[in-house]
N, C-alpha and C. Protein backbone atom coordinates (compact mmCIF):
# COMPACT_ATOMS: atom_id res chain seq x y z
N MET A 1 1.90 -102.89 -2.84
CA MET A 1 2.52 -101.98 -2.86
C MET A 1 3.49 -101.73 -2.09
N GLU A 2 4.39 -101.41 -2.18
CA GLU A 2 4.98 -100.60 -0.52
C GLU A 2 4.51 -100.06 1.03
N THR A 3 5.13 -100.13 2.07
CA THR A 3 4.13 -99.60 2.49
C THR A 3 4.62 -98.37 2.79
N ALA A 4 5.67 -98.48 2.50
CA ALA A 4 6.47 -96.53 2.77
C ALA A 4 5.80 -95.65 1.95
N GLU A 5 5.68 -96.40 0.49
CA GLU A 5 5.03 -95.13 -0.41
C GLU A 5 3.57 -95.64 0.01
N ALA A 6 2.66 -96.20 0.23
CA ALA A 6 1.21 -96.68 1.22
C ALA A 6 0.79 -94.90 1.30
N LEU A 7 2.00 -95.41 2.66
CA LEU A 7 1.70 -94.42 3.73
C LEU A 7 2.35 -92.72 3.06
N TRP A 8 2.83 -92.87 2.33
CA TRP A 8 3.33 -91.31 1.57
C TRP A 8 1.53 -91.08 1.00
N ARG A 9 1.06 -92.06 1.05
CA ARG A 9 -0.56 -91.61 -0.29
C ARG A 9 -0.99 -91.44 1.12
N LEU A 10 -1.54 -91.48 2.01
CA LEU A 10 -2.56 -91.54 3.26
C LEU A 10 -2.43 -90.38 4.02
N LEU A 11 -0.64 -90.01 4.03
CA LEU A 11 -0.60 -89.09 4.46
C LEU A 11 -0.87 -87.88 3.49
N LYS A 12 -1.05 -87.26 2.26
CA LYS A 12 -1.78 -87.02 1.20
C LYS A 12 -2.52 -86.69 1.13
N ALA A 13 -3.49 -88.17 1.24
CA ALA A 13 -5.03 -87.49 1.11
C ALA A 13 -5.65 -87.31 2.64
N SER A 14 -4.53 -87.41 3.74
CA SER A 14 -5.12 -86.76 5.02
C SER A 14 -4.88 -85.19 5.27
N GLN A 15 -4.29 -85.04 4.30
CA GLN A 15 -3.59 -83.56 4.08
C GLN A 15 -1.96 -83.38 4.94
N ILE A 16 -1.52 -84.36 5.62
CA ILE A 16 -0.39 -84.36 6.38
C ILE A 16 1.37 -83.96 5.15
N PRO A 17 1.44 -82.65 5.44
CA PRO A 17 3.16 -82.86 3.99
C PRO A 17 3.76 -83.96 4.38
N PRO A 18 3.86 -85.92 3.91
CA PRO A 18 5.08 -85.26 4.03
C PRO A 18 6.20 -85.92 4.79
N GLY A 19 6.64 -84.52 4.11
CA GLY A 19 8.20 -83.63 3.93
C GLY A 19 7.72 -82.62 5.54
N SER A 20 6.68 -83.37 6.64
CA SER A 20 6.23 -82.08 7.25
C SER A 20 6.64 -82.97 8.80
N GLU A 21 7.05 -82.05 9.77
CA GLU A 21 7.89 -82.66 10.72
C GLU A 21 6.54 -84.33 10.60
N ALA A 22 5.84 -84.27 11.47
CA ALA A 22 4.56 -84.38 11.87
C ALA A 22 4.49 -85.97 10.89
N GLY A 23 4.73 -85.74 8.91
CA GLY A 23 4.84 -87.23 8.08
C GLY A 23 5.97 -87.90 8.33
N ARG A 24 7.22 -86.53 8.64
CA ARG A 24 8.40 -87.43 8.87
C ARG A 24 8.98 -88.43 10.05
N LYS A 25 7.78 -88.08 10.94
CA LYS A 25 7.95 -89.20 12.31
C LYS A 25 6.45 -89.92 11.67
N LEU A 26 6.17 -90.28 11.38
CA LEU A 26 5.14 -91.06 11.27
C LEU A 26 5.25 -92.29 9.64
N THR A 27 6.12 -91.57 9.55
CA THR A 27 7.07 -92.30 8.62
C THR A 27 8.20 -92.60 9.34
N GLY A 28 9.20 -92.54 9.87
CA GLY A 28 9.68 -92.79 10.94
C GLY A 28 9.64 -94.23 11.80
N TYR A 29 8.52 -93.89 12.77
CA TYR A 29 8.08 -94.69 13.33
C TYR A 29 7.36 -95.77 12.50
N LEU A 30 6.91 -96.00 11.14
CA LEU A 30 7.03 -96.97 10.53
C LEU A 30 8.02 -98.04 9.98
N ALA A 31 9.16 -96.64 9.71
CA ALA A 31 10.48 -97.65 9.06
C ALA A 31 10.83 -98.85 11.06
N LEU A 32 10.67 -98.18 12.28
CA LEU A 32 10.83 -98.48 13.30
C LEU A 32 9.57 -99.97 13.70
N LEU A 33 8.61 -100.15 13.09
CA LEU A 33 8.05 -100.52 13.57
C LEU A 33 7.97 -102.60 12.63
N GLU A 34 8.86 -101.78 11.44
CA GLU A 34 8.85 -103.42 10.32
C GLU A 34 9.95 -103.79 10.58
N LYS A 35 11.07 -102.98 11.37
CA LYS A 35 12.54 -103.43 12.11
C LYS A 35 12.30 -104.43 13.23
N TRP A 36 10.98 -103.92 14.41
CA TRP A 36 10.89 -104.20 15.67
C TRP A 36 10.56 -105.68 15.31
N ASN A 37 9.42 -105.34 13.85
CA ASN A 37 8.11 -106.79 14.17
C ASN A 37 9.19 -107.60 13.50
N ALA A 38 10.68 -107.99 12.92
CA ALA A 38 11.27 -108.86 12.47
C ALA A 38 11.45 -109.27 13.78
N ARG A 39 11.91 -108.47 14.94
CA ARG A 39 12.34 -110.06 16.04
C ARG A 39 11.27 -110.00 16.60
N ILE A 40 10.27 -109.23 17.85
CA ILE A 40 9.38 -109.04 18.74
C ILE A 40 7.91 -108.84 17.63
N ASN A 41 7.04 -109.72 18.29
CA ASN A 41 5.45 -110.22 17.84
C ASN A 41 4.53 -108.63 17.82
N LEU A 42 5.17 -107.13 17.35
CA LEU A 42 3.98 -106.60 17.47
C LEU A 42 3.15 -106.31 16.83
N THR A 43 2.95 -106.27 15.54
CA THR A 43 1.68 -107.22 15.25
C THR A 43 1.86 -107.91 14.07
N SER A 44 0.73 -108.60 13.99
CA SER A 44 0.45 -110.27 12.92
C SER A 44 1.37 -109.73 12.12
N SER A 45 1.25 -108.90 11.00
CA SER A 45 2.25 -108.54 10.09
C SER A 45 2.72 -107.15 9.72
N THR A 46 3.58 -107.05 8.26
CA THR A 46 3.53 -105.14 9.20
C THR A 46 3.26 -105.06 7.36
N ASP A 47 2.85 -105.66 6.89
CA ASP A 47 1.96 -105.71 5.49
C ASP A 47 1.09 -104.48 5.99
N TRP A 48 1.17 -103.46 4.73
CA TRP A 48 0.16 -102.43 4.64
C TRP A 48 -1.49 -102.98 5.07
N ARG A 49 -1.91 -103.81 3.74
CA ARG A 49 -3.01 -104.81 4.67
C ARG A 49 -3.90 -104.82 5.71
N VAL A 50 -2.52 -104.88 6.92
CA VAL A 50 -2.68 -104.95 7.96
C VAL A 50 -1.99 -103.47 8.98
N ILE A 51 -1.88 -102.86 8.68
CA ILE A 51 -1.29 -102.00 9.47
C ILE A 51 -2.16 -100.38 8.90
N GLY A 52 -2.50 -100.98 7.69
CA GLY A 52 -2.72 -99.65 7.08
C GLY A 52 -3.76 -98.86 7.95
N PRO A 53 -5.09 -99.97 7.57
CA PRO A 53 -5.68 -99.17 8.85
C PRO A 53 -5.52 -98.95 9.86
N MET A 54 -4.75 -99.12 10.27
CA MET A 54 -4.17 -98.22 11.99
C MET A 54 -4.40 -97.46 12.01
N PHE A 55 -2.92 -97.14 10.66
CA PHE A 55 -2.17 -95.95 11.02
C PHE A 55 -3.63 -94.71 10.08
N GLN A 56 -4.75 -95.48 9.67
CA GLN A 56 -5.78 -94.41 8.98
C GLN A 56 -6.61 -94.10 10.35
N GLU A 57 -6.85 -95.31 11.03
CA GLU A 57 -7.72 -95.19 12.65
C GLU A 57 -6.61 -94.22 13.69
N GLY A 58 -5.42 -93.43 13.01
CA GLY A 58 -4.67 -92.95 14.43
C GLY A 58 -4.59 -91.87 13.92
N ILE A 59 -4.40 -91.20 12.16
CA ILE A 59 -4.77 -90.10 11.62
C ILE A 59 -6.35 -89.51 11.76
N TRP A 60 -7.06 -90.31 11.37
CA TRP A 60 -8.29 -89.90 11.91
C TRP A 60 -9.43 -89.59 13.58
N ALA A 61 -8.41 -90.26 14.58
CA ALA A 61 -8.31 -89.90 15.54
C ALA A 61 -7.94 -88.40 16.41
N GLY A 62 -6.72 -88.59 15.56
CA GLY A 62 -6.00 -86.94 15.78
C GLY A 62 -6.57 -85.81 16.12
N LYS A 63 -7.32 -85.80 14.47
CA LYS A 63 -7.79 -85.13 13.94
C LYS A 63 -9.42 -84.47 15.14
N LEU A 64 -9.54 -85.35 15.59
CA LEU A 64 -10.80 -85.40 17.10
C LEU A 64 -10.15 -85.07 18.31
N TYR A 65 -8.81 -84.17 17.92
CA TYR A 65 -8.41 -84.73 19.47
C TYR A 65 -9.31 -82.61 19.81
N PRO A 66 -9.87 -82.61 21.09
CA PRO A 66 -9.84 -81.37 21.14
C PRO A 66 -9.08 -80.46 22.12
N ALA A 67 -8.99 -79.42 21.62
CA ALA A 67 -8.43 -78.58 21.81
C ALA A 67 -7.63 -78.06 23.19
N GLY A 68 -8.75 -78.72 24.35
CA GLY A 68 -8.23 -78.88 26.09
C GLY A 68 -7.48 -79.39 26.27
N VAL A 69 -7.10 -80.76 25.90
CA VAL A 69 -6.42 -81.65 25.89
C VAL A 69 -4.90 -81.27 25.66
N PHE A 70 -3.90 -81.73 27.67
CA PHE A 70 -2.74 -81.64 27.40
C PHE A 70 -2.19 -82.98 28.31
N SER A 71 -2.72 -83.74 28.68
CA SER A 71 -2.54 -85.06 29.69
C SER A 71 -3.49 -86.04 28.61
N HIS A 72 -2.57 -86.97 28.53
CA HIS A 72 -3.50 -88.14 27.97
C HIS A 72 -2.70 -89.84 28.78
N LEU A 73 -3.53 -90.39 29.06
CA LEU A 73 -3.15 -91.97 29.12
C LEU A 73 -3.43 -92.71 28.75
N ASP A 74 -3.10 -93.15 28.16
CA ASP A 74 -3.48 -94.83 27.23
C ASP A 74 -3.18 -95.63 27.60
N ILE A 75 -4.41 -96.58 28.25
CA ILE A 75 -3.61 -98.14 28.55
C ILE A 75 -3.57 -99.56 27.65
N GLY A 76 -3.24 -99.93 27.21
CA GLY A 76 -2.20 -101.67 26.71
C GLY A 76 -2.07 -100.80 25.50
N SER A 77 -1.23 -99.99 25.66
CA SER A 77 -0.39 -99.73 24.20
C SER A 77 0.10 -100.31 23.08
N GLY A 78 0.69 -101.39 23.14
CA GLY A 78 1.30 -102.58 22.65
C GLY A 78 2.13 -102.10 21.80
N ALA A 79 1.98 -102.14 20.30
CA ALA A 79 3.05 -101.58 19.69
C ALA A 79 2.37 -100.19 19.34
N GLY A 80 1.91 -98.93 20.10
CA GLY A 80 1.71 -97.63 19.67
C GLY A 80 0.23 -97.21 18.81
N PHE A 81 -0.28 -97.86 18.54
CA PHE A 81 -1.52 -97.58 17.97
C PHE A 81 -3.16 -97.44 18.59
N PRO A 82 -3.45 -96.28 19.09
CA PRO A 82 -3.10 -95.22 17.99
C PRO A 82 -2.37 -94.56 18.68
N ALA A 83 -2.44 -94.27 20.25
CA ALA A 83 -1.35 -93.76 21.45
C ALA A 83 -0.28 -92.27 20.87
N LEU A 84 0.83 -93.57 20.08
CA LEU A 84 1.71 -92.86 19.56
C LEU A 84 1.41 -91.63 17.81
N LEU A 85 0.69 -92.35 17.70
CA LEU A 85 -0.27 -90.92 16.12
C LEU A 85 -1.29 -90.32 17.01
N LEU A 86 -0.99 -90.75 17.27
CA LEU A 86 -2.30 -88.76 18.63
C LEU A 86 -0.74 -87.82 18.90
N LYS A 87 0.31 -88.63 19.63
CA LYS A 87 1.29 -87.37 20.03
C LYS A 87 1.89 -87.12 18.80
N ILE A 88 1.98 -87.60 17.91
CA ILE A 88 2.82 -87.01 16.79
C ILE A 88 2.11 -86.01 16.55
N LEU A 89 1.30 -86.67 16.44
CA LEU A 89 0.50 -85.02 15.62
C LEU A 89 -0.22 -84.96 16.33
N ASN A 90 -0.36 -84.32 18.47
CA ASN A 90 -0.81 -83.41 18.72
C ASN A 90 0.40 -83.01 19.69
N PRO A 91 1.64 -83.13 19.14
CA PRO A 91 2.54 -83.01 19.89
C PRO A 91 2.88 -81.96 21.12
N HIS A 92 1.88 -80.98 22.29
CA HIS A 92 2.33 -80.37 22.88
C HIS A 92 1.61 -81.44 24.17
N VAL A 93 1.26 -82.92 23.76
CA VAL A 93 -0.21 -83.23 24.72
C VAL A 93 1.04 -84.67 25.63
N GLU A 94 1.46 -84.47 26.36
CA GLU A 94 1.98 -84.69 27.66
C GLU A 94 1.31 -86.56 27.80
N LEU A 95 1.30 -86.95 27.24
CA LEU A 95 1.50 -88.56 27.20
C LEU A 95 2.12 -90.22 28.29
N GLU A 96 0.94 -90.50 28.61
CA GLU A 96 1.62 -91.88 29.17
C GLU A 96 1.35 -92.75 28.79
N MET A 97 1.60 -94.01 28.28
CA MET A 97 0.97 -95.30 28.37
C MET A 97 1.78 -96.65 28.99
N ILE A 98 0.36 -96.85 29.49
CA ILE A 98 0.77 -98.53 30.02
C ILE A 98 0.49 -99.62 29.74
N GLU A 99 2.32 -100.69 29.02
CA GLU A 99 1.86 -101.48 28.36
C GLU A 99 3.28 -102.89 29.61
N SER A 100 1.54 -104.06 30.12
CA SER A 100 3.00 -104.68 31.00
C SER A 100 3.63 -105.80 30.03
N ARG A 101 3.78 -105.31 29.05
CA ARG A 101 4.63 -106.63 28.27
C ARG A 101 5.91 -105.49 28.00
N GLU A 102 7.01 -106.12 28.87
CA GLU A 102 8.99 -105.20 28.85
C GLU A 102 8.49 -105.39 27.52
N LYS A 103 8.66 -106.61 26.50
CA LYS A 103 9.51 -105.99 24.70
C LYS A 103 8.66 -104.84 24.11
N LYS A 104 7.50 -104.89 24.13
CA LYS A 104 6.49 -103.49 23.23
C LYS A 104 6.63 -102.90 24.48
N SER A 105 6.91 -102.64 26.04
CA SER A 105 7.00 -100.89 26.18
C SER A 105 8.48 -100.84 26.00
N HIS A 106 9.52 -101.79 25.86
CA HIS A 106 11.04 -100.75 25.14
C HIS A 106 11.12 -100.96 24.04
N PHE A 107 10.00 -101.02 22.82
CA PHE A 107 9.40 -100.50 22.19
C PHE A 107 9.57 -99.81 21.65
N LEU A 108 8.04 -99.09 22.63
CA LEU A 108 7.82 -97.96 22.61
C LEU A 108 8.83 -96.86 23.30
N GLU A 109 9.44 -96.96 23.62
CA GLU A 109 10.69 -96.18 24.38
C GLU A 109 11.69 -95.84 23.39
N THR A 110 11.75 -96.94 22.49
CA THR A 110 12.70 -96.59 22.01
C THR A 110 12.62 -95.89 21.23
N VAL A 111 10.44 -95.41 20.41
CA VAL A 111 10.05 -94.93 19.18
C VAL A 111 9.87 -93.50 20.23
N ALA A 112 9.54 -93.62 21.02
CA ALA A 112 9.49 -91.76 21.93
C ALA A 112 11.30 -91.31 21.59
N HIS A 113 12.04 -92.10 21.76
CA HIS A 113 13.88 -91.68 22.19
C HIS A 113 14.07 -91.44 20.56
N GLN A 114 13.76 -91.99 19.90
CA GLN A 114 14.60 -92.26 18.37
C GLN A 114 13.76 -90.89 17.44
N LEU A 115 12.62 -90.86 17.88
CA LEU A 115 12.24 -89.81 17.26
C LEU A 115 11.97 -88.66 17.92
N GLY A 116 11.99 -88.35 19.12
CA GLY A 116 12.93 -86.78 19.89
C GLY A 116 11.01 -86.89 20.71
N LEU A 117 10.56 -87.50 21.15
CA LEU A 117 8.68 -87.73 21.05
C LEU A 117 9.37 -87.00 22.14
N VAL A 118 9.10 -85.68 22.40
CA VAL A 118 9.24 -84.88 24.24
C VAL A 118 7.49 -84.43 25.27
N GLY A 119 8.17 -85.51 26.73
CA GLY A 119 6.75 -85.64 26.94
C GLY A 119 6.26 -87.05 26.77
N VAL A 120 6.34 -88.00 26.75
CA VAL A 120 6.57 -89.57 26.83
C VAL A 120 6.36 -90.13 27.76
N LYS A 121 6.24 -91.05 28.67
CA LYS A 121 6.81 -91.92 29.56
C LYS A 121 5.77 -93.40 29.16
N VAL A 122 6.40 -94.37 28.99
CA VAL A 122 6.08 -95.93 29.67
C VAL A 122 6.33 -96.03 30.44
N HIS A 123 5.08 -96.81 30.84
CA HIS A 123 5.03 -97.48 32.04
C HIS A 123 4.87 -98.88 32.44
N SER A 124 5.88 -100.52 32.08
CA SER A 124 5.72 -101.09 32.17
C SER A 124 5.37 -102.16 33.33
N VAL A 125 4.11 -101.75 33.28
CA VAL A 125 3.51 -102.89 34.58
C VAL A 125 2.47 -102.75 34.50
N ARG A 126 0.96 -103.42 35.03
CA ARG A 126 0.12 -103.90 35.30
C ARG A 126 -1.29 -101.88 35.56
N LEU A 127 -2.12 -102.45 34.44
CA LEU A 127 -2.96 -100.71 34.80
C LEU A 127 -3.44 -100.72 36.51
N SER A 128 -3.59 -102.14 36.63
CA SER A 128 -4.23 -102.12 39.01
C SER A 128 -3.38 -101.58 39.40
N ASP A 129 -1.97 -102.11 38.87
CA ASP A 129 -0.71 -101.56 39.87
C ASP A 129 -0.53 -100.34 39.52
N TYR A 130 -0.14 -100.12 38.72
CA TYR A 130 -0.14 -98.63 38.36
C TYR A 130 -1.17 -97.66 39.08
N LEU A 131 -2.00 -97.20 39.03
CA LEU A 131 -3.54 -96.79 39.62
C LEU A 131 -3.20 -97.14 41.45
N ARG A 132 -2.43 -98.39 41.77
CA ARG A 132 -2.64 -98.31 43.53
C ARG A 132 -1.57 -97.39 44.12
N ASP A 133 -0.67 -97.38 42.91
CA ASP A 133 0.39 -96.76 43.90
C ASP A 133 0.68 -94.91 42.90
N CYS A 134 -0.08 -94.82 42.56
CA CYS A 134 -0.16 -93.60 41.70
C CYS A 134 -1.19 -92.61 42.37
N ASP A 135 -0.12 -90.69 42.08
CA ASP A 135 -0.72 -90.10 43.27
C ASP A 135 -1.74 -89.59 43.42
N SER A 136 -2.84 -89.89 44.32
CA SER A 136 -4.11 -89.16 44.00
C SER A 136 -4.48 -87.47 42.80
N ALA A 137 -3.23 -87.19 43.66
CA ALA A 137 -3.97 -85.62 42.78
C ALA A 137 -3.45 -85.65 40.56
N VAL A 138 -2.34 -87.05 40.50
CA VAL A 138 -2.50 -86.73 39.09
C VAL A 138 -4.27 -86.67 38.15
N GLN A 139 -3.89 -86.52 37.34
CA GLN A 139 -5.73 -86.20 36.40
C GLN A 139 -4.86 -86.21 35.19
N TRP A 140 -5.57 -86.47 34.21
CA TRP A 140 -5.68 -86.90 32.78
C TRP A 140 -6.36 -85.89 31.99
N ASP A 141 -6.72 -85.59 30.97
CA ASP A 141 -7.44 -84.99 30.23
C ASP A 141 -8.56 -86.12 29.30
N CYS A 142 -7.34 -86.76 28.64
CA CYS A 142 -8.00 -87.22 28.00
C CYS A 142 -7.41 -88.85 28.30
N ILE A 143 -8.46 -89.80 28.45
CA ILE A 143 -7.54 -91.45 28.95
C ILE A 143 -8.49 -92.43 28.36
N SER A 144 -7.59 -93.22 27.22
CA SER A 144 -7.88 -93.89 25.98
C SER A 144 -7.43 -95.74 26.61
N TRP A 145 -8.10 -96.22 26.08
CA TRP A 145 -8.05 -98.16 25.89
C TRP A 145 -8.62 -98.90 24.71
N LYS A 146 -7.88 -99.69 23.58
CA LYS A 146 -7.35 -99.88 22.41
C LYS A 146 -7.76 -101.19 22.92
N ALA A 147 -9.03 -102.30 22.39
CA ALA A 147 -9.19 -103.84 22.78
C ALA A 147 -9.00 -104.60 23.54
N ILE A 148 -8.97 -103.08 25.01
CA ILE A 148 -8.55 -104.50 25.52
C ILE A 148 -10.28 -104.05 26.58
N LYS A 149 -10.33 -105.33 27.73
CA LYS A 149 -11.34 -104.80 28.60
C LYS A 149 -11.36 -104.67 29.88
N LEU A 150 -12.35 -102.90 30.29
CA LEU A 150 -11.35 -102.75 31.48
C LEU A 150 -12.41 -103.07 32.19
N SER A 151 -12.30 -103.47 33.75
CA SER A 151 -12.47 -103.80 35.02
C SER A 151 -13.74 -102.65 35.42
N ALA A 152 -14.77 -103.49 36.15
CA ALA A 152 -15.01 -101.65 37.02
C ALA A 152 -14.40 -101.28 38.47
N GLU A 153 -13.56 -102.07 38.22
CA GLU A 153 -12.81 -101.33 39.95
C GLU A 153 -12.14 -100.59 38.84
N ASP A 154 -10.79 -100.86 38.21
CA ASP A 154 -10.33 -99.67 37.10
C ASP A 154 -11.11 -98.73 36.79
N LEU A 155 -11.84 -98.38 36.41
CA LEU A 155 -12.56 -97.62 35.50
C LEU A 155 -13.30 -96.69 37.02
N LEU A 156 -13.14 -97.43 37.82
CA LEU A 156 -13.86 -96.12 39.35
C LEU A 156 -12.89 -95.61 39.48
N GLN A 157 -11.53 -96.23 40.03
CA GLN A 157 -9.61 -94.75 40.01
C GLN A 157 -10.02 -94.33 38.64
N LEU A 158 -9.48 -94.54 36.96
CA LEU A 158 -9.85 -93.64 36.35
C LEU A 158 -11.17 -92.58 36.62
N HIS A 159 -11.79 -93.00 36.74
CA HIS A 159 -12.62 -91.71 37.10
C HIS A 159 -12.38 -90.69 38.20
N ALA A 160 -11.38 -91.52 38.82
CA ALA A 160 -10.82 -90.44 40.12
C ALA A 160 -9.57 -90.30 39.95
N HIS A 161 -9.12 -90.03 38.49
CA HIS A 161 -7.78 -89.31 38.17
C HIS A 161 -8.62 -88.73 36.81
N GLY A 162 -9.66 -88.43 37.01
CA GLY A 162 -10.20 -87.62 35.86
C GLY A 162 -10.78 -86.06 35.91
N ARG A 163 -10.91 -84.66 35.17
CA ARG A 163 -11.72 -84.15 35.56
C ARG A 163 -12.88 -83.89 35.13
N GLN A 164 -13.64 -82.93 35.22
CA GLN A 164 -15.13 -82.93 34.65
C GLN A 164 -15.09 -82.89 33.09
N SER A 165 -14.57 -82.37 32.78
CA SER A 165 -14.48 -81.92 31.30
C SER A 165 -13.04 -83.42 30.62
N THR A 166 -12.73 -84.51 31.06
CA THR A 166 -11.74 -85.47 30.81
C THR A 166 -12.77 -86.37 30.08
N GLN A 167 -11.95 -86.70 28.61
CA GLN A 167 -13.13 -87.27 28.40
C GLN A 167 -12.61 -88.99 27.83
N TYR A 168 -12.79 -90.01 28.23
CA TYR A 168 -12.76 -91.35 28.10
C TYR A 168 -12.76 -91.73 26.47
N TRP A 169 -12.03 -92.66 25.87
CA TRP A 169 -11.80 -93.08 24.77
C TRP A 169 -12.08 -94.54 24.57
N MET A 170 -12.79 -95.70 24.47
CA MET A 170 -12.65 -96.65 24.15
C MET A 170 -12.51 -96.58 22.84
N PHE A 171 -11.34 -97.33 21.93
CA PHE A 171 -11.44 -97.65 21.42
C PHE A 171 -12.72 -99.42 20.86
N HIS A 172 -13.02 -99.24 19.92
CA HIS A 172 -13.61 -101.49 20.54
C HIS A 172 -14.53 -101.53 19.70
N GLY A 173 -15.08 -103.57 19.13
CA GLY A 173 -15.80 -103.11 18.30
C GLY A 173 -17.34 -103.64 18.69
N LEU A 174 -17.62 -104.40 18.06
CA LEU A 174 -18.84 -104.63 18.43
C LEU A 174 -19.91 -104.87 20.16
N GLU A 175 -19.37 -104.52 20.81
CA GLU A 175 -19.44 -104.49 21.83
C GLU A 175 -18.49 -103.78 22.58
N PRO A 176 -18.48 -102.72 24.18
CA PRO A 176 -18.33 -101.70 24.41
C PRO A 176 -17.23 -102.84 25.45
N ALA A 177 -16.17 -101.83 25.35
CA ALA A 177 -15.04 -102.81 26.06
C ALA A 177 -14.43 -102.83 27.41
N TRP A 178 -15.43 -102.44 28.11
CA TRP A 178 -15.67 -102.33 29.56
C TRP A 178 -16.18 -103.02 30.19
N GLU A 179 -16.38 -103.14 31.97
CA GLU A 179 -16.98 -103.93 32.94
C GLU A 179 -18.29 -102.55 32.95
N ALA A 180 -19.61 -102.77 32.41
CA ALA A 180 -20.20 -101.29 32.52
C ALA A 180 -20.97 -101.59 33.57
N THR A 181 -20.93 -102.07 35.37
CA THR A 181 -21.76 -102.48 36.53
C THR A 181 -22.55 -101.04 36.18
N ARG A 182 -23.72 -101.42 37.36
CA ARG A 182 -24.15 -99.70 37.49
C ARG A 182 -23.72 -99.26 38.06
N GLU A 183 -22.57 -99.52 38.80
CA GLU A 183 -22.11 -98.43 39.73
C GLU A 183 -20.82 -97.30 38.13
N VAL A 184 -20.55 -98.11 37.70
CA VAL A 184 -19.53 -97.64 36.32
C VAL A 184 -20.48 -96.46 35.91
N GLN A 185 -21.91 -97.44 35.78
CA GLN A 185 -22.58 -96.69 34.93
C GLN A 185 -22.84 -94.97 35.26
N GLN A 186 -23.46 -95.41 36.37
CA GLN A 186 -23.38 -93.63 37.38
C GLN A 186 -22.79 -92.91 37.00
N ARG A 187 -22.05 -93.04 36.67
CA ARG A 187 -20.63 -92.39 36.75
C ARG A 187 -20.24 -92.27 35.04
N PHE A 188 -20.41 -92.60 34.17
CA PHE A 188 -19.98 -91.99 33.25
C PHE A 188 -21.63 -92.16 32.06
N ALA A 189 -20.86 -91.19 31.03
CA ALA A 189 -21.88 -90.75 30.36
C ALA A 189 -21.17 -90.87 28.19
N LEU A 190 -22.05 -91.14 27.47
CA LEU A 190 -21.51 -91.26 26.11
C LEU A 190 -21.87 -89.92 25.37
N ALA A 191 -20.99 -89.35 24.85
CA ALA A 191 -20.60 -88.68 24.55
C ALA A 191 -20.55 -88.56 22.94
N ARG A 192 -20.30 -88.99 22.69
CA ARG A 192 -20.55 -89.43 20.99
C ARG A 192 -19.62 -90.66 20.45
N LYS A 193 -20.55 -91.54 19.49
CA LYS A 193 -20.34 -92.42 19.29
C LYS A 193 -19.47 -92.78 17.92
N GLU A 194 -18.02 -92.80 17.05
CA GLU A 194 -18.19 -92.33 15.77
C GLU A 194 -17.11 -94.30 14.94
N LYS A 195 -17.58 -94.50 13.93
CA LYS A 195 -16.80 -95.42 13.33
C LYS A 195 -15.74 -94.98 12.90
N VAL A 196 -14.96 -95.61 12.98
CA VAL A 196 -13.74 -95.43 12.74
C VAL A 196 -13.23 -96.28 10.99
N PRO A 197 -12.60 -95.23 10.09
CA PRO A 197 -12.87 -95.24 8.86
C PRO A 197 -12.00 -96.60 8.67
N GLY A 198 -11.90 -97.42 7.31
CA GLY A 198 -11.37 -98.12 7.01
C GLY A 198 -11.24 -99.75 8.06
N MET A 199 -11.48 -99.67 9.17
CA MET A 199 -11.66 -100.76 9.69
C MET A 199 -12.63 -100.62 9.89
N ASN A 200 -13.47 -102.31 10.01
CA ASN A 200 -14.90 -102.87 9.84
C ASN A 200 -15.00 -103.16 10.99
N GLU A 201 -16.21 -102.95 11.20
CA GLU A 201 -17.24 -102.72 12.56
C GLU A 201 -16.20 -102.48 13.66
N TRP A 202 -15.31 -101.47 13.36
CA TRP A 202 -14.70 -101.03 15.04
C TRP A 202 -15.62 -99.70 15.12
N ASN A 203 -15.21 -98.91 15.92
CA ASN A 203 -15.83 -97.51 16.60
C ASN A 203 -15.15 -97.07 17.46
N LEU A 204 -15.56 -95.79 18.26
CA LEU A 204 -15.26 -94.97 19.12
C LEU A 204 -15.18 -94.27 20.15
N SER A 205 -16.35 -94.75 21.27
CA SER A 205 -17.33 -94.32 22.00
C SER A 205 -15.81 -93.27 22.93
N VAL A 206 -16.83 -92.36 22.46
CA VAL A 206 -16.30 -91.10 24.23
C VAL A 206 -17.01 -90.55 24.98
N TYR A 207 -16.74 -91.06 26.20
CA TYR A 207 -17.97 -90.68 27.27
C TYR A 207 -16.87 -89.16 27.66
N ARG A 208 -17.55 -89.39 28.90
CA ARG A 208 -17.58 -88.03 30.30
C ARG A 208 -17.71 -88.75 31.41
N ALA A 209 -16.81 -87.37 32.44
CA ALA A 209 -17.57 -88.52 33.85
C ALA A 209 -18.87 -87.69 34.37
N LEU A 210 -19.50 -88.28 35.09
CA LEU A 210 -20.32 -87.29 35.42
C LEU A 210 -20.36 -86.79 36.85
């Protein structure tokens, strides 16, 4: 099955009209991913068997967004899964992405520009360096990361940039993707844990700050 046709079917099954603004931008994102992946290694393959579950994950997660999220920091954004999909489905959200690999950060900037995604910033820097130079007054409503393990030091700094209502979205496999020291555990509480549909042994754990 062609990837464009497979995405069309996923959109229909997810009650997203393919001709809607979100549908067109998701289709545009797929086209850019296929084009760029021929030049740089964004994903291991653009075969739908590989990227289809990533689209399904992003669309599923986008429907979990609480109404009060207006600012989102995504860490280790890579090819944009799921951060760009979350932005497309929630266009009012101001999205910042941390991606230290220059080629991938350039891809993310290109996608945001060509799809007309307003309120997107890409920081081509390591998280620790970004947090070190970040204004202490900056806060986010949602902070997410996927397939990377955050250090206790980074987590404590992220805690300082959250509100009481801030949600911390950890996409992970069997093991939690953070350094869960006692100090970290004293500052975060698990609010919910969901199995990601279509991705074997993959989970979304949502934490809140204490």
